[in-house]
Amino acid sequence: MQIKLWGVRGSLPTPMDREEVRSKLKSAIEHARTAWQQEPGRDISDVIDSMHPGQKSIIGGETTCVEVRHGEVELIFDMGTGARRLGVDMMQRGHKGDINVLFTHTHWDHIQGWLEFQPAYQPDNTVHFYSCLEDLEERLNRQQHPEHSSMRFSDLPCKKVFHYIPPGESFDVGDCHITTQPLIHPGGSIAYKVEAGGKTFVFATDTEFYGPEIHERMKEYNRFFHGADLLVMDAQYSLEEAEQRKGWGHTAMTIAVDCSLYWNVKELVLTHHEPAHNDENIWKLFDEASEYLEEFAQQDKELKIYTAKEGDQYELE
């Protein structure tokens, strides 16, 4: 399985402003200057490789969209603004035919990219919508009401097929076996577990693990998450923010690490970044989560963690 992140922000798109760009450039230039003072002939690529990820990369500002490919099967999880670039990529690849879109829920940041998804404007494409929502078609129609959109959902040229999956049930797309799991989030949200080729990928955005009952909840969800090879999980907050925003439906980075350790997850990607956090804030939270993992991880448990960045790819072989 190949997993690619096209959008990693939560709540709303968050492009970098001018000051953040200047700050990032300044930090990178200072690092390069020091490196060349110490070793004048050092190769540019080597200098870039030696930089902190916060200096040489960006988190990205697009909202949630994740692509999974396995053999001939392609799955798209959520249609945040990252779906626009995914659609462009699919058109460049010449993708035609069936397109499988799986929705976790229909808050704006998970559906607003659909209107700019180019494959939806191709009459030869059939978009299969999977969700645990019996009224998904009605919800997508509402998003494209003429008061909000220049084109109605029903007028899009692609063919549209809706598949309702009862919460907690499983289904197959090609040779991918997919299981659903309701999550803790206002209005509801669904996690998806994809099993294919002997590997397991879990996508669990927009969920809240916090409070005195957290260990019971971790135990309750263990059966679904246990042993995942790769988990992409909501980690929007710091611990302080999680305390201040109880009931908002999101998890702190260090708590996502706790959950993953309990569930024996192999690799964890921390995603759905808070729009009020710039890249520096996110890397600071990630460094705290890494220190927490190093301090509290049991010796018999190996967990690798990453902070989600737009364009990141993961391979499960």
C-alpha atoms as a PDB file:
ATOM      1  CA  MET A   1       0.000   0.000   0.000  1.00  0.00           C
ATOM      2  CA  GLN A   2       1.100   3.535  -0.779  1.00  0.00           C
ATOM      3  CA  ILE A   3      -0.337   6.354   1.320  1.00  0.00           C
ATOM      4  CA  LYS A   4      -0.005  10.000   0.314  1.00  0.00           C
ATOM      5  CA  LEU A   5      -1.107  13.045   2.304  1.00  0.00           C
ATOM      6  CA  TRP A   6      -2.683  15.781   0.170  1.00  0.00           C
ATOM      7  CA  GLY A   7      -4.081  17.851   3.040  1.00  0.00           C
ATOM      8  CA  VAL A   8      -3.113  17.803   6.725  1.00  0.00           C
ATOM      9  CA  ARG A   9      -4.786  20.861   8.275  1.00  0.00           C
ATOM     10  CA  GLY A  10      -7.880  20.889  10.424  1.00  0.00           C
ATOM     11  CA  SER A  11     -10.830  23.275  10.512  1.00  0.00           C
ATOM     12  CA  LEU A  12      -9.915  25.549   7.592  1.00  0.00           C
ATOM     13  CA  PRO A  13      -7.142  26.092   5.034  1.00  0.00           C
ATOM     14  CA  THR A  14      -4.070  27.758   6.538  1.00  0.00           C
ATOM     15  CA  PRO A  15      -1.589  29.189   4.023  1.00  0.00           C
ATOM     16  CA  MET A  16       1.656  30.616   5.363  1.00  0.00           C
ATOM     17  CA  ASP A  17       1.743  34.396   5.690  1.00  0.00           C
ATOM     18  CA  ARG A  18       4.609  36.640   4.592  1.00  0.00           C
ATOM     19  CA  GLU A  19       6.240  36.830   8.017  1.00  0.00           C
ATOM     20  CA  GLU A  20       6.338  33.051   8.422  1.00  0.00           C
ATOM     21  CA  VAL A  21       7.919  32.633   4.986  1.00  0.00           C
ATOM     22  CA  ARG A  22      10.580  35.247   5.839  1.00  0.00           C
ATOM     23  CA  SER A  23      11.270  33.615   9.201  1.00  0.00           C
ATOM     24  CA  LYS A  24      11.689  30.202   7.589  1.00  0.00           C
ATOM     25  CA  LEU A  25      14.026  31.604   4.923  1.00  0.00           C
ATOM     26  CA  LYS A  26      16.088  33.462   7.526  1.00  0.00           C
ATOM     27  CA  SER A  27      16.523  30.323   9.624  1.00  0.00           C
ATOM     28  CA  ALA A  28      17.529  28.248   6.581  1.00  0.00           C
ATOM     29  CA  ILE A  29      20.028  30.865   5.396  1.00  0.00           C
ATOM     30  CA  GLU A  30      21.627  31.152   8.840  1.00  0.00           C
ATOM     31  CA  HIS A  31      21.976  27.375   9.009  1.00  0.00           C
ATOM     32  CA  ALA A  32      23.579  27.286   5.547  1.00  0.00           C
ATOM     33  CA  ARG A  33      25.965  30.136   6.393  1.00  0.00           C
ATOM     34  CA  THR A  34      27.176  28.327   9.514  1.00  0.00           C
ATOM     35  CA  ALA A  35      27.557  25.075   7.599  1.00  0.00           C
ATOM     36  CA  TRP A  36      29.690  26.699   4.882  1.00  0.00           C
ATOM     37  CA  GLN A  37      31.797  28.598   7.415  1.00  0.00           C
ATOM     38  CA  GLN A  38      32.673  25.267   8.996  1.00  0.00           C
ATOM     39  CA  GLU A  39      33.124  23.468   5.659  1.00  0.00           C
ATOM     40  CA  PRO A  40      33.357  25.861   2.657  1.00  0.00           C
ATOM     41  CA  GLY A  41      33.171  23.176  -0.040  1.00  0.00           C
ATOM     42  CA  ARG A  42      30.103  21.415   1.344  1.00  0.00           C
ATOM     43  CA  ASP A  43      27.533  20.404  -1.283  1.00  0.00           C
ATOM     44  CA  ILE A  44      24.259  22.384  -1.322  1.00  0.00           C
ATOM     45  CA  SER A  45      22.114  19.217  -1.157  1.00  0.00           C
ATOM     46  CA  ASP A  46      24.087  18.002   1.841  1.00  0.00           C
ATOM     47  CA  VAL A  47      23.557  21.338   3.623  1.00  0.00           C
ATOM     48  CA  ILE A  48      19.815  21.170   2.962  1.00  0.00           C
ATOM     49  CA  ASP A  49      19.670  17.565   4.208  1.00  0.00           C
ATOM     50  CA  SER A  50      21.316  18.642   7.470  1.00  0.00           C
ATOM     51  CA  MET A  51      18.614  21.216   8.218  1.00  0.00           C
ATOM     52  CA  HIS A  52      15.786  20.732  10.710  1.00  0.00           C
ATOM     53  CA  PRO A  53      12.557  19.728   8.890  1.00  0.00           C
ATOM     54  CA  GLY A  54      11.048  23.036   9.952  1.00  0.00           C
ATOM     55  CA  GLN A  55      13.716  24.869   7.952  1.00  0.00           C
ATOM     56  CA  LYS A  56      13.661  22.815   4.756  1.00  0.00           C
ATOM     57  CA  SER A  57       9.999  21.856   4.445  1.00  0.00           C
ATOM     58  CA  ILE A  58       6.490  23.115   5.054  1.00  0.00           C
ATOM     59  CA  ILE A  59       3.593  21.528   6.911  1.00  0.00           C
ATOM     60  CA  GLY A  60       1.152  22.797   4.298  1.00  0.00           C
ATOM     61  CA  GLY A  61      -2.145  24.610   4.511  1.00  0.00           C
ATOM     62  CA  GLU A  62      -4.624  22.318   2.725  1.00  0.00           C
ATOM     63  CA  THR A  63      -7.373  20.576   4.697  1.00  0.00           C
ATOM     64  CA  THR A  64      -7.768  16.828   5.009  1.00  0.00           C
ATOM     65  CA  CYS A  65      -7.388  14.535   2.026  1.00  0.00           C
ATOM     66  CA  VAL A  66      -5.506  11.216   1.979  1.00  0.00           C
ATOM     67  CA  GLU A  67      -4.878   8.911  -0.984  1.00  0.00           C
ATOM     68  CA  VAL A  68      -4.269   5.175  -0.651  1.00  0.00           C
ATOM     69  CA  ARG A  69      -3.188   3.009  -3.560  1.00  0.00           C
ATOM     70  CA  HIS A  70      -2.898  -0.757  -3.615  1.00  0.00           C
ATOM     71  CA  GLY A  71      -2.446  -2.460  -6.949  1.00  0.00           C
ATOM     72  CA  GLU A  72      -5.300  -1.317  -9.181  1.00  0.00           C
ATOM     73  CA  VAL A  73      -7.313   0.068  -6.256  1.00  0.00           C
ATOM     74  CA  GLU A  74      -7.224   3.761  -5.375  1.00  0.00           C
ATOM     75  CA  LEU A  75      -9.023   5.083  -2.296  1.00  0.00           C
ATOM     76  CA  ILE A  76      -9.522   8.737  -1.375  1.00  0.00           C
ATOM     77  CA  PHE A  77     -10.281   9.597   2.240  1.00  0.00           C
ATOM     78  CA  ASP A  78     -12.119  12.906   2.612  1.00  0.00           C
ATOM     79  CA  MET A  79     -12.388  15.818   0.214  1.00  0.00           C
ATOM     80  CA  GLY A  80     -10.756  18.715   2.029  1.00  0.00           C
ATOM     81  CA  THR A  81      -9.004  21.364  -0.048  1.00  0.00           C
ATOM     82  CA  GLY A  82      -6.116  18.956  -0.623  1.00  0.00           C
ATOM     83  CA  ALA A  83      -8.436  17.135  -3.045  1.00  0.00           C
ATOM     84  CA  ARG A  84      -7.886  19.876  -5.631  1.00  0.00           C
ATOM     85  CA  ARG A  85      -4.218  19.002  -6.083  1.00  0.00           C
ATOM     86  CA  LEU A  86      -4.978  15.289  -5.934  1.00  0.00           C
ATOM     87  CA  GLY A  87      -7.490  15.784  -8.756  1.00  0.00           C
ATOM     88  CA  VAL A  88      -4.900  17.612 -10.854  1.00  0.00           C
ATOM     89  CA  ASP A  89      -2.446  14.765 -10.245  1.00  0.00           C
ATOM     90  CA  MET A  90      -5.025  12.156 -11.255  1.00  0.00           C
ATOM     91  CA  MET A  91      -5.774  14.028 -14.481  1.00  0.00           C
ATOM     92  CA  GLN A  92      -2.064  14.222 -15.297  1.00  0.00           C
ATOM     93  CA  ARG A  93      -1.801  10.475 -14.706  1.00  0.00           C
ATOM     94  CA  GLY A  94      -4.679   9.935 -17.114  1.00  0.00           C
ATOM     95  CA  HIS A  95      -6.867   8.304 -14.468  1.00  0.00           C
ATOM     96  CA  LYS A  96     -10.231   7.270 -15.893  1.00  0.00           C
ATOM     97  CA  GLY A  97     -13.081   5.116 -14.692  1.00  0.00           C
ATOM     98  CA  ASP A  98     -13.979   4.344 -11.082  1.00  0.00           C
ATOM     99  CA  ILE A  99     -13.009   6.705  -8.261  1.00  0.00           C
ATOM    100  CA  ASN A 100     -13.574   5.638  -4.650  1.00  0.00           C
ATOM    101  CA  VAL A 101     -14.183   8.390  -2.088  1.00  0.00           C
ATOM    102  CA  LEU A 102     -14.624   7.509   1.590  1.00  0.00           C
ATOM    103  CA  PHE A 103     -15.968  10.187   3.916  1.00  0.00           C
ATOM    104  CA  THR A 104     -15.230  10.299   7.627  1.00  0.00           C
ATOM    105  CA  HIS A 105     -17.877  13.009   8.134  1.00  0.00           C
ATOM    106  CA  THR A 106     -19.087  16.156   6.391  1.00  0.00           C
ATOM    107  CA  HIS A 107     -17.707  19.091   8.344  1.00  0.00           C
ATOM    108  CA  TRP A 108     -16.608  21.768   5.868  1.00  0.00           C
ATOM    109  CA  ASP A 109     -12.883  21.055   6.085  1.00  0.00           C
ATOM    110  CA  HIS A 110     -13.520  17.498   4.881  1.00  0.00           C
ATOM    111  CA  ILE A 111     -15.784  18.221   1.892  1.00  0.00           C
ATOM    112  CA  GLN A 112     -14.948  21.687   0.535  1.00  0.00           C
ATOM    113  CA  GLY A 113     -12.309  20.428  -1.922  1.00  0.00           C
ATOM    114  CA  TRP A 114     -14.898  18.390  -3.820  1.00  0.00           C
ATOM    115  CA  LEU A 115     -16.006  21.454  -5.811  1.00  0.00           C
ATOM    116  CA  GLU A 116     -12.497  21.776  -7.309  1.00  0.00           C
ATOM    117  CA  PHE A 117     -11.862  18.053  -7.870  1.00  0.00           C
ATOM    118  CA  GLN A 118     -11.255  17.912 -11.633  1.00  0.00           C
ATOM    119  CA  PRO A 119     -12.106  14.208 -12.179  1.00  0.00           C
ATOM    120  CA  ALA A 120     -15.686  15.002 -11.075  1.00  0.00           C
ATOM    121  CA  TYR A 121     -16.057  17.099 -14.243  1.00  0.00           C
ATOM    122  CA  GLN A 122     -15.287  14.155 -16.549  1.00  0.00           C
ATOM    123  CA  PRO A 123     -18.374  12.288 -17.865  1.00  0.00           C
ATOM    124  CA  ASP A 124     -16.449   9.018 -18.283  1.00  0.00           C
ATOM    125  CA  ASN A 125     -15.663   8.837 -14.547  1.00  0.00           C
ATOM    126  CA  THR A 126     -17.835   7.109 -11.953  1.00  0.00           C
ATOM    127  CA  VAL A 127     -17.382   8.357  -8.408  1.00  0.00           C
ATOM    128  CA  HIS A 128     -18.305   5.822  -5.719  1.00  0.00           C
ATOM    129  CA  PHE A 129     -19.107   7.549  -2.417  1.00  0.00           C
ATOM    130  CA  TYR A 130     -18.720   5.408   0.704  1.00  0.00           C
ATOM    131  CA  SER A 131     -19.846   6.576   4.121  1.00  0.00           C
ATOM    132  CA  CYS A 132     -21.777   5.692   7.252  1.00  0.00           C
ATOM    133  CA  LEU A 133     -24.232   8.497   6.452  1.00  0.00           C
ATOM    134  CA  GLU A 134     -27.592   7.561   4.974  1.00  0.00           C
ATOM    135  CA  ASP A 135     -28.116  11.156   3.780  1.00  0.00           C
ATOM    136  CA  LEU A 136     -24.676  11.822   2.269  1.00  0.00           C
ATOM    137  CA  GLU A 137     -26.092  12.720  -1.134  1.00  0.00           C
ATOM    138  CA  GLU A 138     -28.426  15.260   0.446  1.00  0.00           C
ATOM    139  CA  ARG A 139     -25.527  16.806   2.382  1.00  0.00           C
ATOM    140  CA  LEU A 140     -23.379  17.173  -0.745  1.00  0.00           C
ATOM    141  CA  ASN A 141     -26.341  18.691  -2.576  1.00  0.00           C
ATOM    142  CA  ARG A 142     -26.683  21.270   0.190  1.00  0.00           C
ATOM    143  CA  GLN A 143     -23.019  22.216  -0.134  1.00  0.00           C
ATOM    144  CA  GLN A 144     -23.620  23.065  -3.796  1.00  0.00           C
ATOM    145  CA  HIS A 145     -26.879  24.952  -3.380  1.00  0.00           C
ATOM    146  CA  PRO A 146     -26.845  27.963  -5.763  1.00  0.00           C
ATOM    147  CA  GLU A 147     -26.471  30.236  -2.745  1.00  0.00           C
ATOM    148  CA  HIS A 148     -23.053  28.665  -2.105  1.00  0.00           C
ATOM    149  CA  SER A 149     -21.887  27.301  -5.454  1.00  0.00           C
ATOM    150  CA  SER A 150     -21.962  28.095  -9.168  1.00  0.00           C
ATOM    151  CA  MET A 151     -22.788  24.464 -10.006  1.00  0.00           C
ATOM    152  CA  ARG A 152     -25.235  22.076  -8.410  1.00  0.00           C
ATOM    153  CA  PHE A 153     -24.007  18.670  -7.279  1.00  0.00           C
ATOM    154  CA  SER A 154     -26.455  16.950  -9.632  1.00  0.00           C
ATOM    155  CA  ASP A 155     -25.063  18.906 -12.621  1.00  0.00           C
ATOM    156  CA  LEU A 156     -21.521  17.580 -12.295  1.00  0.00           C
ATOM    157  CA  PRO A 157     -20.765  15.452 -15.378  1.00  0.00           C
ATOM    158  CA  CYS A 158     -19.389  12.394 -13.560  1.00  0.00           C
ATOM    159  CA  LYS A 159     -21.605   9.453 -12.650  1.00  0.00           C
ATOM    160  CA  LYS A 160     -22.311   9.176  -8.930  1.00  0.00           C
ATOM    161  CA  VAL A 161     -22.965   6.015  -6.919  1.00  0.00           C
ATOM    162  CA  PHE A 162     -23.622   6.074  -3.168  1.00  0.00           C
ATOM    163  CA  HIS A 163     -22.756   3.183  -0.850  1.00  0.00           C
ATOM    164  CA  TYR A 164     -24.120   3.324   2.689  1.00  0.00           C
ATOM    165  CA  ILE A 165     -22.109   1.308   5.226  1.00  0.00           C
ATOM    166  CA  PRO A 166     -23.704   0.746   8.658  1.00  0.00           C
ATOM    167  CA  PRO A 167     -21.298   2.053  11.355  1.00  0.00           C
ATOM    168  CA  GLY A 168     -18.993  -0.714  12.531  1.00  0.00           C
ATOM    169  CA  GLU A 169     -19.511  -2.839   9.415  1.00  0.00           C
ATOM    170  CA  SER A 170     -16.937  -3.885   6.794  1.00  0.00           C
ATOM    171  CA  PHE A 171     -16.878  -3.854   2.998  1.00  0.00           C
ATOM    172  CA  ASP A 172     -14.474  -4.564   0.149  1.00  0.00           C
ATOM    173  CA  VAL A 173     -13.139  -2.407  -2.656  1.00  0.00           C
ATOM    174  CA  GLY A 174     -11.183  -4.691  -4.957  1.00  0.00           C
ATOM    175  CA  ASP A 175      -8.824  -6.676  -2.752  1.00  0.00           C
ATOM    176  CA  CYS A 176      -8.885  -4.047   0.018  1.00  0.00           C
ATOM    177  CA  HIS A 177     -10.920  -5.072   3.065  1.00  0.00           C
ATOM    178  CA  ILE A 178     -12.195  -1.978   4.844  1.00  0.00           C
ATOM    179  CA  THR A 179     -13.694  -1.774   8.344  1.00  0.00           C
ATOM    180  CA  THR A 180     -15.475   1.228   9.842  1.00  0.00           C
ATOM    181  CA  GLN A 181     -15.407   2.460  13.440  1.00  0.00           C
ATOM    182  CA  PRO A 182     -17.408   5.348  14.949  1.00  0.00           C
ATOM    183  CA  LEU A 183     -15.239   7.931  16.707  1.00  0.00           C
ATOM    184  CA  ILE A 184     -15.706  10.535  19.435  1.00  0.00           C
ATOM    185  CA  HIS A 185     -16.517  13.815  17.678  1.00  0.00           C
ATOM    186  CA  PRO A 186     -19.380  16.350  17.660  1.00  0.00           C
ATOM    187  CA  GLY A 187     -21.783  15.231  14.945  1.00  0.00           C
ATOM    188  CA  GLY A 188     -19.914  11.946  14.590  1.00  0.00           C
ATOM    189  CA  SER A 189     -16.896  10.805  12.594  1.00  0.00           C
ATOM    190  CA  ILE A 190     -15.770   7.447  11.221  1.00  0.00           C
ATOM    191  CA  ALA A 191     -12.357   5.786  11.234  1.00  0.00           C
ATOM    192  CA  TYR A 192     -11.428   3.439   8.388  1.00  0.00           C
ATOM    193  CA  LYS A 193      -9.132   0.422   8.609  1.00  0.00           C
ATOM    194  CA  VAL A 194      -7.752  -0.851   5.301  1.00  0.00           C
ATOM    195  CA  GLU A 195      -6.308  -4.364   5.208  1.00  0.00           C
ATOM    196  CA  ALA A 196      -4.499  -5.426   2.043  1.00  0.00           C
ATOM    197  CA  GLY A 197      -1.368  -7.329   1.136  1.00  0.00           C
ATOM    198  CA  GLY A 198      -0.866  -8.428   4.731  1.00  0.00           C
ATOM    199  CA  LYS A 199      -0.653  -4.809   5.963  1.00  0.00           C
ATOM    200  CA  THR A 200      -3.035  -2.581   7.911  1.00  0.00           C
ATOM    201  CA  PHE A 201      -3.582   1.149   7.481  1.00  0.00           C
ATOM    202  CA  VAL A 202      -5.915   3.130   9.755  1.00  0.00           C
ATOM    203  CA  PHE A 203      -7.205   6.641   9.148  1.00  0.00           C
ATOM    204  CA  ALA A 204      -8.715   8.220  12.272  1.00  0.00           C
ATOM    205  CA  THR A 205      -9.102  11.957  11.949  1.00  0.00           C
ATOM    206  CA  ASP A 206     -11.411  14.139  14.067  1.00  0.00           C
ATOM    207  CA  THR A 207     -11.565  12.199  17.292  1.00  0.00           C
ATOM    208  CA  GLU A 208     -11.150  13.138  20.946  1.00  0.00           C
ATOM    209  CA  PHE A 209      -9.285  11.055  23.484  1.00  0.00           C
ATOM    210  CA  TYR A 210      -9.117  13.025  26.716  1.00  0.00           C
ATOM    211  CA  GLY A 211     -10.369  13.135  30.282  1.00  0.00           C
ATOM    212  CA  PRO A 212     -10.643  10.698  33.200  1.00  0.00           C
ATOM    213  CA  GLU A 213     -12.260   8.014  31.024  1.00  0.00           C
ATOM    214  CA  ILE A 214      -9.441   7.983  28.466  1.00  0.00           C
ATOM    215  CA  HIS A 215      -8.013   4.600  29.515  1.00  0.00           C
ATOM    216  CA  GLU A 216     -11.423   2.979  29.237  1.00  0.00           C
ATOM    217  CA  ARG A 217     -11.801   4.474  25.781  1.00  0.00           C
ATOM    218  CA  MET A 218      -8.358   3.267  24.738  1.00  0.00           C
ATOM    219  CA  LYS A 219      -9.322  -0.203  25.891  1.00  0.00           C
ATOM    220  CA  GLU A 220     -12.678   0.022  24.114  1.00  0.00           C
ATOM    221  CA  TYR A 221     -11.017   0.934  20.795  1.00  0.00           C
ATOM    222  CA  ASN A 222      -8.119  -1.506  21.103  1.00  0.00           C
ATOM    223  CA  ARG A 223      -9.724  -4.186  18.964  1.00  0.00           C
ATOM    224  CA  PHE A 224     -10.041  -1.831  16.008  1.00  0.00           C
ATOM    225  CA  PHE A 225      -6.651  -0.098  16.220  1.00  0.00           C
ATOM    226  CA  HIS A 226      -4.486  -2.897  17.615  1.00  0.00           C
ATOM    227  CA  GLY A 227      -1.320  -3.668  15.680  1.00  0.00           C
ATOM    228  CA  ALA A 228      -1.877  -1.207  12.818  1.00  0.00           C
ATOM    229  CA  ASP A 229       1.185  -0.878  10.603  1.00  0.00           C
ATOM    230  CA  LEU A 230       0.425   2.794   9.981  1.00  0.00           C
ATOM    231  CA  LEU A 231      -2.045   5.022  11.817  1.00  0.00           C
ATOM    232  CA  VAL A 232      -2.840   8.546  10.619  1.00  0.00           C
ATOM    233  CA  MET A 233      -4.538  10.112  13.634  1.00  0.00           C
ATOM    234  CA  ASP A 234      -5.972  13.430  14.749  1.00  0.00           C
ATOM    235  CA  ALA A 235      -3.441  15.288  16.918  1.00  0.00           C
ATOM    236  CA  GLN A 236      -4.604  18.877  16.621  1.00  0.00           C
ATOM    237  CA  TYR A 237      -3.860  20.182  20.102  1.00  0.00           C
ATOM    238  CA  SER A 238      -1.292  20.684  22.777  1.00  0.00           C
ATOM    239  CA  LEU A 239      -2.228  19.245  26.171  1.00  0.00           C
ATOM    240  CA  GLU A 240      -3.219  22.706  27.366  1.00  0.00           C
ATOM    241  CA  GLU A 241      -5.484  23.238  24.363  1.00  0.00           C
ATOM    242  CA  ALA A 242      -7.067  19.804  24.840  1.00  0.00           C
ATOM    243  CA  GLU A 243      -7.982  20.811  28.396  1.00  0.00           C
ATOM    244  CA  GLN A 244      -9.381  24.170  27.288  1.00  0.00           C
ATOM    245  CA  ARG A 245     -11.390  22.676  24.420  1.00  0.00           C
ATOM    246  CA  LYS A 246     -12.924  19.568  25.930  1.00  0.00           C
ATOM    247  CA  GLY A 247     -15.805  18.397  23.799  1.00  0.00           C
ATOM    248  CA  TRP A 248     -14.475  19.957  20.586  1.00  0.00           C
ATOM    249  CA  GLY A 249     -13.577  16.531  19.219  1.00  0.00           C
ATOM    250  CA  HIS A 250      -9.793  16.604  18.833  1.00  0.00           C
ATOM    251  CA  THR A 251      -6.750  14.991  20.482  1.00  0.00           C
ATOM    252  CA  ALA A 252      -3.394  16.256  21.786  1.00  0.00           C
ATOM    253  CA  MET A 253      -0.180  14.982  20.182  1.00  0.00           C
ATOM    254  CA  THR A 254       1.167  13.338  23.334  1.00  0.00           C
ATOM    255  CA  ILE A 255      -2.166  11.604  23.961  1.00  0.00           C
ATOM    256  CA  ALA A 256      -2.156  10.254  20.402  1.00  0.00           C
ATOM    257  CA  VAL A 257       1.255   8.787  21.256  1.00  0.00           C
ATOM    258  CA  ASP A 258      -0.197   7.251  24.438  1.00  0.00           C
ATOM    259  CA  CYS A 259      -3.051   5.687  22.480  1.00  0.00           C
ATOM    260  CA  SER A 260      -0.719   4.283  19.831  1.00  0.00           C
ATOM    261  CA  LEU A 261       1.556   2.728  22.444  1.00  0.00           C
ATOM    262  CA  TYR A 262      -1.441   1.081  24.108  1.00  0.00           C
ATOM    263  CA  TRP A 263      -2.693  -0.218  20.752  1.00  0.00           C
ATOM    264  CA  ASN A 264       0.755  -1.518  19.687  1.00  0.00           C
ATOM    265  CA  VAL A 265       0.754   0.615  16.554  1.00  0.00           C
ATOM    266  CA  LYS A 266       3.975   0.437  14.546  1.00  0.00           C
ATOM    267  CA  GLU A 267       3.996   3.897  12.924  1.00  0.00           C
ATOM    268  CA  LEU A 268       1.966   6.978  13.843  1.00  0.00           C
ATOM    269  CA  VAL A 269       1.391  10.078  11.706  1.00  0.00           C
ATOM    270  CA  LEU A 270       0.094  13.076  13.674  1.00  0.00           C
ATOM    271  CA  THR A 271      -2.317  15.103  11.549  1.00  0.00           C
ATOM    272  CA  HIS A 272      -5.249  17.577  11.393  1.00  0.00           C
ATOM    273  CA  HIS A 273      -3.042  20.429  12.555  1.00  0.00           C
ATOM    274  CA  GLU A 274      -4.573  23.379  14.391  1.00  0.00           C
ATOM    275  CA  PRO A 275      -4.980  26.416  12.072  1.00  0.00           C
ATOM    276  CA  ALA A 276      -3.722  28.744  14.809  1.00  0.00           C
ATOM    277  CA  HIS A 277      -0.395  26.849  14.838  1.00  0.00           C
ATOM    278  CA  ASN A 278       2.300  27.877  12.399  1.00  0.00           C
ATOM    279  CA  ASP A 279       5.013  25.439  11.323  1.00  0.00           C
ATOM    280  CA  GLU A 280       7.227  26.387  14.262  1.00  0.00           C
ATOM    281  CA  ASN A 281       4.425  25.650  16.754  1.00  0.00           C
ATOM    282  CA  ILE A 282       3.693  22.285  15.142  1.00  0.00           C
ATOM    283  CA  TRP A 283       7.341  21.216  15.187  1.00  0.00           C
ATOM    284  CA  LYS A 284       7.595  22.293  18.826  1.00  0.00           C
ATOM    285  CA  LEU A 285       4.618  20.088  19.722  1.00  0.00           C
ATOM    286  CA  PHE A 286       6.108  17.255  17.687  1.00  0.00           C
ATOM    287  CA  ASP A 287       9.446  17.571  19.506  1.00  0.00           C
ATOM    288  CA  GLU A 288       7.560  17.402  22.827  1.00  0.00           C
ATOM    289  CA  ALA A 289       5.715  14.292  21.621  1.00  0.00           C
ATOM    290  CA  SER A 290       9.033  12.721  20.556  1.00  0.00           C
ATOM    291  CA  GLU A 291      10.566  13.426  23.980  1.00  0.00           C
ATOM    292  CA  TYR A 292       7.465  12.008  25.643  1.00  0.00           C
ATOM    293  CA  LEU A 293       7.739   8.847  23.545  1.00  0.00           C
ATOM    294  CA  GLU A 294      11.409   8.447  24.395  1.00  0.00           C
ATOM    295  CA  GLU A 295      10.726   8.882  28.108  1.00  0.00           C
ATOM    296  CA  PHE A 296       7.651   6.714  28.526  1.00  0.00           C
ATOM    297  CA  ALA A 297       7.749   4.079  25.781  1.00  0.00           C
ATOM    298  CA  GLN A 298       8.145   0.577  27.135  1.00  0.00           C
ATOM    299  CA  GLN A 299      11.221  -1.249  25.956  1.00  0.00           C
ATOM    300  CA  ASP A 300       9.176  -4.008  24.339  1.00  0.00           C
ATOM    301  CA  LYS A 301       7.193  -1.535  22.210  1.00  0.00           C
ATOM    302  CA  GLU A 302       8.611   0.092  19.128  1.00  0.00           C
ATOM    303  CA  LEU A 303       6.716   3.077  17.772  1.00  0.00           C
ATOM    304  CA  LYS A 304       7.853   5.529  15.120  1.00  0.00           C
ATOM    305  CA  ILE A 305       6.107   8.902  14.953  1.00  0.00           C
ATOM    306  CA  TYR A 306       5.942  11.568  12.270  1.00  0.00           C
ATOM    307  CA  THR A 307       4.209  14.899  11.944  1.00  0.00           C
ATOM    308  CA  ALA A 308       2.016  15.025   8.855  1.00  0.00           C
ATOM    309  CA  LYS A 309       3.257  17.250   6.031  1.00  0.00           C
ATOM    310  CA  GLU A 310       1.541  17.922   2.740  1.00  0.00           C
ATOM    311  CA  GLY A 311       2.936  15.621   0.070  1.00  0.00           C
ATOM    312  CA  ASP A 312       4.386  13.051   2.476  1.00  0.00           C
ATOM    313  CA  GLN A 313       4.236   9.454   1.256  1.00  0.00           C
ATOM    314  CA  TYR A 314       4.392   6.186   3.195  1.00  0.00           C
ATOM    315  CA  GLU A 315       4.934   2.703   1.845  1.00  0.00           C
ATOM    316  CA  LEU A 316       3.612  -0.463   3.492  1.00  0.00           C
ATOM    317  CA  GLU A 317       5.252  -3.543   1.979  1.00  0.00           C
END
